[in-house]
């Protein structure tokens, strides 16, 4: 059992990550690293998809260009860790988390844009929280420091998605929908997925 450690609270997350996830992740660091690489690659793709779908949103394009570049840099850095630990880059089954969250996105615009921004922000917020836990509990000090070094950018990423939502939508609508989606997000993580993943 790992000792309890209080990270700064991310207000939008309805429930904090459990000790069970920390134990699972630390016991399967190689798999977590491989999944982390896939997460960074997907995150870059998500930013690019926003840019292709909404090319006239100038503020969004400017902000997400920076995020896409940073996510690709993180992907490269995680791949370097995979090489150092002799972990082959290969496919990995995705947990149900991401697909189940994206299933909450409404199909009609402008609700689709709002939900997509909020869901992406929630995923980034959970990543921020869990990388923080890895930075605390990882038994490899150098790898722990690496996780810690990513936390600021992850916080910036989820903040950017929510600022964009606040920019394009009424504050009350934005906050109400964020709370609804955040409840779903926490429910999806209520039962630990048997395969260790960043979002298991």
C-alpha atoms as a PDB file:
ATOM      1  CA  UNK A   1       0.000   0.000   0.000  1.00  0.00           C
ATOM      2  CA  UNK A   2       1.328   3.402  -0.970  1.00  0.00           C
ATOM      3  CA  UNK A   3       1.032   6.267   1.503  1.00  0.00           C
ATOM      4  CA  UNK A   4      -1.613   8.842   0.728  1.00  0.00           C
ATOM      5  CA  UNK A   5      -0.294  12.014  -0.872  1.00  0.00           C
ATOM      6  CA  UNK A   6      -2.393  15.091  -1.586  1.00  0.00           C
ATOM      7  CA  UNK A   7      -1.763  16.643  -4.966  1.00  0.00           C
ATOM      8  CA  UNK A   8      -3.185  20.077  -5.751  1.00  0.00           C
ATOM      9  CA  UNK A   9      -6.870  19.564  -6.528  1.00  0.00           C
ATOM     10  CA  UNK A  10      -8.074  19.884 -10.104  1.00  0.00           C
ATOM     11  CA  UNK A  11     -11.529  21.261  -9.416  1.00  0.00           C
ATOM     12  CA  UNK A  12     -13.190  19.791 -12.498  1.00  0.00           C
ATOM     13  CA  UNK A  13     -12.237  16.209 -11.631  1.00  0.00           C
ATOM     14  CA  UNK A  14     -15.059  14.802  -9.546  1.00  0.00           C
ATOM     15  CA  UNK A  15     -12.980  12.055  -7.906  1.00  0.00           C
ATOM     16  CA  UNK A  16      -9.217  11.763  -7.326  1.00  0.00           C
ATOM     17  CA  UNK A  17      -7.254   8.779  -8.610  1.00  0.00           C
ATOM     18  CA  UNK A  18      -7.208   5.865  -6.175  1.00  0.00           C
ATOM     19  CA  UNK A  19      -4.234   4.156  -4.557  1.00  0.00           C
ATOM     20  CA  UNK A  20      -5.223   1.029  -6.487  1.00  0.00           C
ATOM     21  CA  UNK A  21      -4.291   2.746  -9.766  1.00  0.00           C
ATOM     22  CA  UNK A  22      -0.964   3.936  -8.315  1.00  0.00           C
ATOM     23  CA  UNK A  23      -0.099   0.403  -7.194  1.00  0.00           C
ATOM     24  CA  UNK A  24      -1.086  -1.028 -10.575  1.00  0.00           C
ATOM     25  CA  UNK A  25       0.925   1.594 -12.479  1.00  0.00           C
ATOM     26  CA  UNK A  26       4.097   1.303 -10.382  1.00  0.00           C
ATOM     27  CA  UNK A  27       3.969  -2.485 -10.676  1.00  0.00           C
ATOM     28  CA  UNK A  28       3.760  -2.217 -14.480  1.00  0.00           C
ATOM     29  CA  UNK A  29       5.966   0.744 -15.369  1.00  0.00           C
ATOM     30  CA  UNK A  30       7.055  -0.604 -18.743  1.00  0.00           C
ATOM     31  CA  UNK A  31       3.449  -0.967 -19.888  1.00  0.00           C
ATOM     32  CA  UNK A  32       2.588   2.472 -18.492  1.00  0.00           C
ATOM     33  CA  UNK A  33       5.487   3.993 -20.433  1.00  0.00           C
ATOM     34  CA  UNK A  34       4.357   2.332 -23.640  1.00  0.00           C
ATOM     35  CA  UNK A  35       0.789   3.516 -23.083  1.00  0.00           C
ATOM     36  CA  UNK A  36       2.088   6.997 -22.291  1.00  0.00           C
ATOM     37  CA  UNK A  37       3.776   7.107 -25.700  1.00  0.00           C
ATOM     38  CA  UNK A  38       0.489   6.223 -27.361  1.00  0.00           C
ATOM     39  CA  UNK A  39      -1.310   8.879 -25.297  1.00  0.00           C
ATOM     40  CA  UNK A  40       1.094  11.613 -26.418  1.00  0.00           C
ATOM     41  CA  UNK A  41       0.747  10.570 -30.054  1.00  0.00           C
ATOM     42  CA  UNK A  42      -3.042  10.578 -29.811  1.00  0.00           C
ATOM     43  CA  UNK A  43      -3.044  13.948 -28.055  1.00  0.00           C
ATOM     44  CA  UNK A  44      -1.094  15.506 -30.916  1.00  0.00           C
ATOM     45  CA  UNK A  45      -3.585  13.982 -33.346  1.00  0.00           C
ATOM     46  CA  UNK A  46      -6.534  15.390 -31.392  1.00  0.00           C
ATOM     47  CA  UNK A  47      -5.104  18.912 -31.585  1.00  0.00           C
ATOM     48  CA  UNK A  48      -4.540  18.540 -35.320  1.00  0.00           C
ATOM     49  CA  UNK A  49      -8.076  17.212 -35.838  1.00  0.00           C
ATOM     50  CA  UNK A  50      -9.512  20.330 -34.197  1.00  0.00           C
ATOM     51  CA  UNK A  51      -7.463  22.446 -36.593  1.00  0.00           C
ATOM     52  CA  UNK A  52      -8.745  20.549 -39.629  1.00  0.00           C
ATOM     53  CA  UNK A  53     -12.378  20.573 -38.465  1.00  0.00           C
ATOM     54  CA  UNK A  54     -12.490  24.247 -37.418  1.00  0.00           C
ATOM     55  CA  UNK A  55      -9.963  26.053 -39.658  1.00  0.00           C
ATOM     56  CA  UNK A  56     -11.708  29.439 -39.358  1.00  0.00           C
ATOM     57  CA  UNK A  57     -11.308  29.617 -35.560  1.00  0.00           C
ATOM     58  CA  UNK A  58      -8.117  31.659 -35.557  1.00  0.00           C
ATOM     59  CA  UNK A  59      -7.551  31.694 -31.793  1.00  0.00           C
ATOM     60  CA  UNK A  60      -8.046  27.934 -31.622  1.00  0.00           C
ATOM     61  CA  UNK A  61      -5.624  27.294 -34.492  1.00  0.00           C
ATOM     62  CA  UNK A  62      -2.940  29.402 -32.829  1.00  0.00           C
ATOM     63  CA  UNK A  63      -3.278  27.712 -29.436  1.00  0.00           C
ATOM     64  CA  UNK A  64      -3.609  24.161 -30.715  1.00  0.00           C
ATOM     65  CA  UNK A  65      -0.627  24.494 -33.034  1.00  0.00           C
ATOM     66  CA  UNK A  66       1.478  25.008 -29.914  1.00  0.00           C
ATOM     67  CA  UNK A  67      -0.143  22.055 -28.172  1.00  0.00           C
ATOM     68  CA  UNK A  68       0.346  19.725 -31.151  1.00  0.00           C
ATOM     69  CA  UNK A  69       4.054  20.599 -31.297  1.00  0.00           C
ATOM     70  CA  UNK A  70       4.472  20.050 -27.575  1.00  0.00           C
ATOM     71  CA  UNK A  71       2.627  16.723 -27.603  1.00  0.00           C
ATOM     72  CA  UNK A  72       4.900  15.487 -30.408  1.00  0.00           C
ATOM     73  CA  UNK A  73       7.956  16.574 -28.395  1.00  0.00           C
ATOM     74  CA  UNK A  74       6.621  14.575 -25.435  1.00  0.00           C
ATOM     75  CA  UNK A  75       6.013  11.595 -27.719  1.00  0.00           C
ATOM     76  CA  UNK A  76       9.660  11.765 -28.780  1.00  0.00           C
ATOM     77  CA  UNK A  77      10.836  12.035 -25.169  1.00  0.00           C
ATOM     78  CA  UNK A  78       8.761   9.053 -24.041  1.00  0.00           C
ATOM     79  CA  UNK A  79      10.091   7.054 -26.994  1.00  0.00           C
ATOM     80  CA  UNK A  80      13.612   7.796 -25.758  1.00  0.00           C
ATOM     81  CA  UNK A  81      12.637   6.268 -22.412  1.00  0.00           C
ATOM     82  CA  UNK A  82      11.262   3.221 -24.192  1.00  0.00           C
ATOM     83  CA  UNK A  83      14.612   2.782 -25.931  1.00  0.00           C
ATOM     84  CA  UNK A  84      16.534   3.199 -22.686  1.00  0.00           C
ATOM     85  CA  UNK A  85      14.457   0.484 -21.028  1.00  0.00           C
ATOM     86  CA  UNK A  86      14.494  -1.771 -24.124  1.00  0.00           C
ATOM     87  CA  UNK A  87      10.724  -1.612 -24.505  1.00  0.00           C
ATOM     88  CA  UNK A  88       9.684  -2.129 -28.138  1.00  0.00           C
ATOM     89  CA  UNK A  89       7.231   0.400 -29.509  1.00  0.00           C
ATOM     90  CA  UNK A  90       4.181  -1.573 -30.528  1.00  0.00           C
ATOM     91  CA  UNK A  91       0.390  -1.682 -30.396  1.00  0.00           C
ATOM     92  CA  UNK A  92      -1.457  -1.706 -27.104  1.00  0.00           C
ATOM     93  CA  UNK A  93      -5.156  -2.262 -26.481  1.00  0.00           C
ATOM     94  CA  UNK A  94      -6.833   0.961 -25.484  1.00  0.00           C
ATOM     95  CA  UNK A  95      -8.890   1.000 -22.281  1.00  0.00           C
ATOM     96  CA  UNK A  96     -12.615   1.869 -22.671  1.00  0.00           C
ATOM     97  CA  UNK A  97     -12.070   5.304 -21.068  1.00  0.00           C
ATOM     98  CA  UNK A  98     -11.345   7.427 -24.156  1.00  0.00           C
ATOM     99  CA  UNK A  99     -13.976   5.919 -26.426  1.00  0.00           C
ATOM    100  CA  UNK A 100     -16.626   6.066 -23.699  1.00  0.00           C
ATOM    101  CA  UNK A 101     -15.892   9.738 -23.043  1.00  0.00           C
ATOM    102  CA  UNK A 102     -15.941  10.602 -26.732  1.00  0.00           C
ATOM    103  CA  UNK A 103     -19.302   8.833 -27.025  1.00  0.00           C
ATOM    104  CA  UNK A 104     -20.677  11.653 -24.832  1.00  0.00           C
ATOM    105  CA  UNK A 105     -19.880  14.237 -27.516  1.00  0.00           C
ATOM    106  CA  UNK A 106     -23.052  15.469 -29.176  1.00  0.00           C
ATOM    107  CA  UNK A 107     -23.082  15.343 -32.967  1.00  0.00           C
ATOM    108  CA  UNK A 108     -24.674  18.660 -33.859  1.00  0.00           C
ATOM    109  CA  UNK A 109     -22.725  21.916 -33.903  1.00  0.00           C
ATOM    110  CA  UNK A 110     -22.056  24.005 -31.916  1.00  0.00           C
ATOM    111  CA  UNK A 111     -22.568  21.424 -29.147  1.00  0.00           C
ATOM    112  CA  UNK A 112     -20.044  19.143 -30.823  1.00  0.00           C
ATOM    113  CA  UNK A 113     -17.308  21.750 -30.514  1.00  0.00           C
ATOM    114  CA  UNK A 114     -18.151  22.472 -26.873  1.00  0.00           C
ATOM    115  CA  UNK A 115     -18.214  18.815 -25.861  1.00  0.00           C
ATOM    116  CA  UNK A 116     -15.041  18.005 -27.803  1.00  0.00           C
ATOM    117  CA  UNK A 117     -13.132  20.806 -26.074  1.00  0.00           C
ATOM    118  CA  UNK A 118     -14.415  19.797 -22.636  1.00  0.00           C
ATOM    119  CA  UNK A 119     -13.766  16.064 -23.081  1.00  0.00           C
ATOM    120  CA  UNK A 120     -10.246  16.725 -24.341  1.00  0.00           C
ATOM    121  CA  UNK A 121      -9.620  19.030 -21.393  1.00  0.00           C
ATOM    122  CA  UNK A 122     -10.843  16.360 -18.957  1.00  0.00           C
ATOM    123  CA  UNK A 123      -8.513  13.760 -20.461  1.00  0.00           C
ATOM    124  CA  UNK A 124      -5.590  16.195 -20.196  1.00  0.00           C
ATOM    125  CA  UNK A 125      -6.536  17.049 -16.614  1.00  0.00           C
ATOM    126  CA  UNK A 126      -6.568  13.388 -15.620  1.00  0.00           C
ATOM    127  CA  UNK A 127      -3.217  12.917 -17.366  1.00  0.00           C
ATOM    128  CA  UNK A 128      -1.815  15.835 -15.367  1.00  0.00           C
ATOM    129  CA  UNK A 129      -3.023  14.308 -12.108  1.00  0.00           C
ATOM    130  CA  UNK A 130      -1.668  10.840 -12.875  1.00  0.00           C
ATOM    131  CA  UNK A 131       1.713  12.005 -14.150  1.00  0.00           C
ATOM    132  CA  UNK A 132       1.957  13.880 -10.865  1.00  0.00           C
ATOM    133  CA  UNK A 133       1.315  10.670  -8.957  1.00  0.00           C
ATOM    134  CA  UNK A 134       3.951   8.872 -11.010  1.00  0.00           C
ATOM    135  CA  UNK A 135       6.421  11.661 -10.254  1.00  0.00           C
ATOM    136  CA  UNK A 136       5.847  11.014  -6.536  1.00  0.00           C
ATOM    137  CA  UNK A 137       5.736   7.225  -6.392  1.00  0.00           C
ATOM    138  CA  UNK A 138       7.924   6.050  -9.286  1.00  0.00           C
ATOM    139  CA  UNK A 139      10.874   4.127  -7.767  1.00  0.00           C
ATOM    140  CA  UNK A 140      13.256   5.292 -10.534  1.00  0.00           C
ATOM    141  CA  UNK A 141      14.277   8.840  -9.482  1.00  0.00           C
ATOM    142  CA  UNK A 142      15.214   9.893 -13.007  1.00  0.00           C
ATOM    143  CA  UNK A 143      11.950   8.648 -14.486  1.00  0.00           C
ATOM    144  CA  UNK A 144      10.046  10.256 -11.618  1.00  0.00           C
ATOM    145  CA  UNK A 145      11.737  13.575 -12.421  1.00  0.00           C
ATOM    146  CA  UNK A 146      10.771  13.168 -16.073  1.00  0.00           C
ATOM    147  CA  UNK A 147       7.126  12.731 -15.133  1.00  0.00           C
ATOM    148  CA  UNK A 148       7.342  15.773 -12.909  1.00  0.00           C
ATOM    149  CA  UNK A 149       8.787  17.812 -15.767  1.00  0.00           C
ATOM    150  CA  UNK A 150       5.690  17.133 -17.894  1.00  0.00           C
ATOM    151  CA  UNK A 151       3.150  18.314 -15.342  1.00  0.00           C
ATOM    152  CA  UNK A 152       3.282  22.036 -16.128  1.00  0.00           C
ATOM    153  CA  UNK A 153       2.654  21.496 -19.817  1.00  0.00           C
ATOM    154  CA  UNK A 154      -0.205  19.063 -19.110  1.00  0.00           C
ATOM    155  CA  UNK A 155      -1.826  21.681 -16.879  1.00  0.00           C
ATOM    156  CA  UNK A 156      -1.382  24.258 -19.624  1.00  0.00           C
ATOM    157  CA  UNK A 157      -2.996  21.902 -22.120  1.00  0.00           C
ATOM    158  CA  UNK A 158      -6.194  21.225 -20.202  1.00  0.00           C
ATOM    159  CA  UNK A 159      -6.369  24.899 -19.298  1.00  0.00           C
ATOM    160  CA  UNK A 160      -6.132  25.859 -22.961  1.00  0.00           C
ATOM    161  CA  UNK A 161      -8.989  23.582 -23.992  1.00  0.00           C
ATOM    162  CA  UNK A 162     -11.231  24.975 -21.277  1.00  0.00           C
ATOM    163  CA  UNK A 163     -10.268  28.595 -21.996  1.00  0.00           C
ATOM    164  CA  UNK A 164     -11.211  27.975 -25.623  1.00  0.00           C
ATOM    165  CA  UNK A 165     -14.559  26.541 -24.511  1.00  0.00           C
ATOM    166  CA  UNK A 166     -15.075  29.613 -22.340  1.00  0.00           C
ATOM    167  CA  UNK A 167     -14.147  31.827 -25.296  1.00  0.00           C
ATOM    168  CA  UNK A 168     -16.638  30.357 -27.739  1.00  0.00           C
ATOM    169  CA  UNK A 169     -19.515  29.586 -25.356  1.00  0.00           C
ATOM    170  CA  UNK A 170     -21.481  31.248 -22.609  1.00  0.00           C
ATOM    171  CA  UNK A 171     -19.847  30.696 -19.214  1.00  0.00           C
ATOM    172  CA  UNK A 172     -22.940  29.160 -17.620  1.00  0.00           C
ATOM    173  CA  UNK A 173     -23.424  26.698 -20.512  1.00  0.00           C
ATOM    174  CA  UNK A 174     -19.715  25.814 -20.446  1.00  0.00           C
ATOM    175  CA  UNK A 175     -19.612  25.177 -16.691  1.00  0.00           C
ATOM    176  CA  UNK A 176     -22.844  23.170 -16.573  1.00  0.00           C
ATOM    177  CA  UNK A 177     -21.744  20.873 -19.388  1.00  0.00           C
ATOM    178  CA  UNK A 178     -18.252  20.486 -17.915  1.00  0.00           C
ATOM    179  CA  UNK A 179     -19.742  19.278 -14.639  1.00  0.00           C
ATOM    180  CA  UNK A 180     -21.950  16.759 -16.470  1.00  0.00           C
ATOM    181  CA  UNK A 181     -19.034  15.350 -18.440  1.00  0.00           C
ATOM    182  CA  UNK A 182     -16.760  15.323 -15.390  1.00  0.00           C
ATOM    183  CA  UNK A 183     -19.233  13.104 -13.561  1.00  0.00           C
ATOM    184  CA  UNK A 184     -19.147  10.643 -16.456  1.00  0.00           C
ATOM    185  CA  UNK A 185     -15.335  10.786 -16.498  1.00  0.00           C
ATOM    186  CA  UNK A 186     -15.081   9.847 -12.826  1.00  0.00           C
ATOM    187  CA  UNK A 187     -17.664   7.079 -13.182  1.00  0.00           C
ATOM    188  CA  UNK A 188     -15.592   5.543 -15.987  1.00  0.00           C
ATOM    189  CA  UNK A 189     -12.613   5.282 -13.627  1.00  0.00           C
ATOM    190  CA  UNK A 190     -14.594   4.049 -10.623  1.00  0.00           C
ATOM    191  CA  UNK A 191     -13.642   0.438 -11.370  1.00  0.00           C
ATOM    192  CA  UNK A 192      -9.963  -0.144 -12.104  1.00  0.00           C
ATOM    193  CA  UNK A 193      -9.415  -1.537 -15.612  1.00  0.00           C
ATOM    194  CA  UNK A 194      -7.494  -4.837 -15.383  1.00  0.00           C
ATOM    195  CA  UNK A 195      -4.863  -3.746 -17.922  1.00  0.00           C
ATOM    196  CA  UNK A 196      -2.489  -1.048 -16.604  1.00  0.00           C
ATOM    197  CA  UNK A 197      -2.876   2.180 -18.561  1.00  0.00           C
ATOM    198  CA  UNK A 198      -2.508   5.911 -17.934  1.00  0.00           C
ATOM    199  CA  UNK A 199      -6.317   6.081 -18.054  1.00  0.00           C
ATOM    200  CA  UNK A 200      -7.202   2.639 -16.644  1.00  0.00           C
END
